[in-house]
Amino acid sequence: FPLLESEWQAIIDRAAPGARAIWRSGGLRTDFLDRVEINHGGKLRALPELLKLNPDLAAELHERDRVHTYGSFYIADFAA
């Protein structure tokens, strides 16, 4: 996933303290992010190590979506 890793690397590099990311997918689950690795703090790290997912809020907001185009919705805060 070199392009996906490059995109997440840019997001992490530019994220301010306390930043939050949201993403949606046509699929019901985006498990491909589990395999994304980026450089953080001088080490190669798995992306999920750097994200604190908020599945309850994401589920609540996804249910309220009026369009229902996407199969899944995610909210994650960046870990310190």
C-alpha atoms as a PDB file:
ATOM      1  CA  PHE A   1       0.000   0.000   0.000  1.00  0.00           C
ATOM      2  CA  PRO A   2       2.686   2.576  -0.819  1.00  0.00           C
ATOM      3  CA  LEU A   3       0.260   5.349  -1.792  1.00  0.00           C
ATOM      4  CA  LEU A   4      -1.948   4.762   1.243  1.00  0.00           C
ATOM      5  CA  GLU A   5       1.106   4.689   3.509  1.00  0.00           C
ATOM      6  CA  SER A   6       2.368   7.904   1.937  1.00  0.00           C
ATOM      7  CA  GLU A   7      -0.995   9.580   2.524  1.00  0.00           C
ATOM      8  CA  TRP A   8      -1.162   8.510   6.187  1.00  0.00           C
ATOM      9  CA  GLN A   9       2.486   9.508   6.668  1.00  0.00           C
ATOM     10  CA  ALA A  10       1.642  13.031   5.474  1.00  0.00           C
ATOM     11  CA  ILE A  11      -1.410  13.163   7.745  1.00  0.00           C
ATOM     12  CA  ILE A  12       0.567  12.054  10.816  1.00  0.00           C
ATOM     13  CA  ASP A  13       3.479  14.388   9.996  1.00  0.00           C
ATOM     14  CA  ARG A  14       1.188  17.415   9.837  1.00  0.00           C
ATOM     15  CA  ALA A  15      -1.319  16.578  12.565  1.00  0.00           C
ATOM     16  CA  ALA A  16      -1.481  19.041  15.444  1.00  0.00           C
ATOM     17  CA  PRO A  17      -1.585  17.750  19.022  1.00  0.00           C
ATOM     18  CA  GLY A  18      -5.087  16.516  19.784  1.00  0.00           C
ATOM     19  CA  ALA A  19      -5.932  16.084  16.087  1.00  0.00           C
ATOM     20  CA  ARG A  20      -8.706  13.765  14.998  1.00  0.00           C
ATOM     21  CA  ALA A  21      -9.148  11.886  11.728  1.00  0.00           C
ATOM     22  CA  ILE A  22     -12.372  10.670  10.176  1.00  0.00           C
ATOM     23  CA  TRP A  23     -12.797   8.408   7.181  1.00  0.00           C
ATOM     24  CA  ARG A  24     -15.561   6.544   5.440  1.00  0.00           C
ATOM     25  CA  SER A  25     -15.588   3.507   3.214  1.00  0.00           C
ATOM     26  CA  GLY A  26     -17.995   1.753   0.908  1.00  0.00           C
ATOM     27  CA  GLY A  27     -16.957  -1.474   2.637  1.00  0.00           C
ATOM     28  CA  LEU A  28     -18.321  -2.574   5.982  1.00  0.00           C
ATOM     29  CA  ARG A  29     -14.845  -2.721   7.548  1.00  0.00           C
ATOM     30  CA  THR A  30     -11.524  -1.131   6.560  1.00  0.00           C
ATOM     31  CA  ASP A  31      -9.133  -3.713   7.968  1.00  0.00           C
ATOM     32  CA  PHE A  32      -6.541  -2.837   5.312  1.00  0.00           C
ATOM     33  CA  LEU A  33      -5.450   0.064   7.556  1.00  0.00           C
ATOM     34  CA  ASP A  34      -4.213  -2.531  10.050  1.00  0.00           C
ATOM     35  CA  ARG A  35      -1.322  -3.278   7.670  1.00  0.00           C
ATOM     36  CA  VAL A  36      -0.288   0.352   7.041  1.00  0.00           C
ATOM     37  CA  GLU A  37       3.146   1.203   8.476  1.00  0.00           C
ATOM     38  CA  ILE A  38       4.554   4.706   8.867  1.00  0.00           C
ATOM     39  CA  ASN A  39       7.601   6.356  10.425  1.00  0.00           C
ATOM     40  CA  HIS A  40       6.874   7.973  13.767  1.00  0.00           C
ATOM     41  CA  GLY A  41       9.401   8.994  16.390  1.00  0.00           C
ATOM     42  CA  GLY A  42      12.221   7.517  14.334  1.00  0.00           C
ATOM     43  CA  LYS A  43      10.599   4.069  14.230  1.00  0.00           C
ATOM     44  CA  LEU A  44       8.492   2.170  11.727  1.00  0.00           C
ATOM     45  CA  ARG A  45       5.115   1.763  13.440  1.00  0.00           C
ATOM     46  CA  ALA A  46       1.813   0.136  12.554  1.00  0.00           C
ATOM     47  CA  LEU A  47      -0.846   2.804  12.008  1.00  0.00           C
ATOM     48  CA  PRO A  48      -3.297   1.317  14.563  1.00  0.00           C
ATOM     49  CA  GLU A  49      -0.658   1.911  17.286  1.00  0.00           C
ATOM     50  CA  LEU A  50      -0.979   5.647  16.635  1.00  0.00           C
ATOM     51  CA  LEU A  51      -4.770   5.869  16.547  1.00  0.00           C
ATOM     52  CA  LYS A  52      -7.330   5.704  19.326  1.00  0.00           C
ATOM     53  CA  LEU A  53     -10.555   4.690  17.613  1.00  0.00           C
ATOM     54  CA  ASN A  54     -13.900   5.954  18.868  1.00  0.00           C
ATOM     55  CA  PRO A  55     -16.285   3.281  17.552  1.00  0.00           C
ATOM     56  CA  ASP A  56     -19.248   4.310  19.717  1.00  0.00           C
ATOM     57  CA  LEU A  57     -19.320   7.888  18.438  1.00  0.00           C
ATOM     58  CA  ALA A  58     -18.659   6.727  14.878  1.00  0.00           C
ATOM     59  CA  ALA A  59     -21.569   4.252  15.050  1.00  0.00           C
ATOM     60  CA  GLU A  60     -23.894   6.903  16.478  1.00  0.00           C
ATOM     61  CA  LEU A  61     -23.035   9.431  13.790  1.00  0.00           C
ATOM     62  CA  HIS A  62     -23.048   6.854  10.991  1.00  0.00           C
ATOM     63  CA  GLU A  63     -26.579   5.864  11.962  1.00  0.00           C
ATOM     64  CA  ARG A  64     -27.656   9.514  11.686  1.00  0.00           C
ATOM     65  CA  ASP A  65     -26.181   9.873   8.185  1.00  0.00           C
ATOM     66  CA  ARG A  66     -28.973  10.914   5.834  1.00  0.00           C
ATOM     67  CA  VAL A  67     -27.390   9.678   2.604  1.00  0.00           C
ATOM     68  CA  HIS A  68     -26.263   6.147   3.596  1.00  0.00           C
ATOM     69  CA  THR A  69     -23.698   5.994   0.790  1.00  0.00           C
ATOM     70  CA  TYR A  70     -20.933   4.495   2.920  1.00  0.00           C
ATOM     71  CA  GLY A  71     -20.808   1.094   4.560  1.00  0.00           C
ATOM     72  CA  SER A  72     -18.606   2.236   7.435  1.00  0.00           C
ATOM     73  CA  PHE A  73     -17.484   5.394   9.230  1.00  0.00           C
ATOM     74  CA  TYR A  74     -14.479   5.808  11.523  1.00  0.00           C
ATOM     75  CA  ILE A  75     -13.305   8.419  14.002  1.00  0.00           C
ATOM     76  CA  ALA A  76      -9.819   8.262  15.522  1.00  0.00           C
ATOM     77  CA  ASP A  77      -7.787  10.547  17.750  1.00  0.00           C
ATOM     78  CA  PHE A  78      -4.039  10.548  17.256  1.00  0.00           C
ATOM     79  CA  ALA A  79      -2.144   9.015  20.158  1.00  0.00           C
ATOM     80  CA  ALA A  80       0.504  11.177  21.801  1.00  0.00           C
END
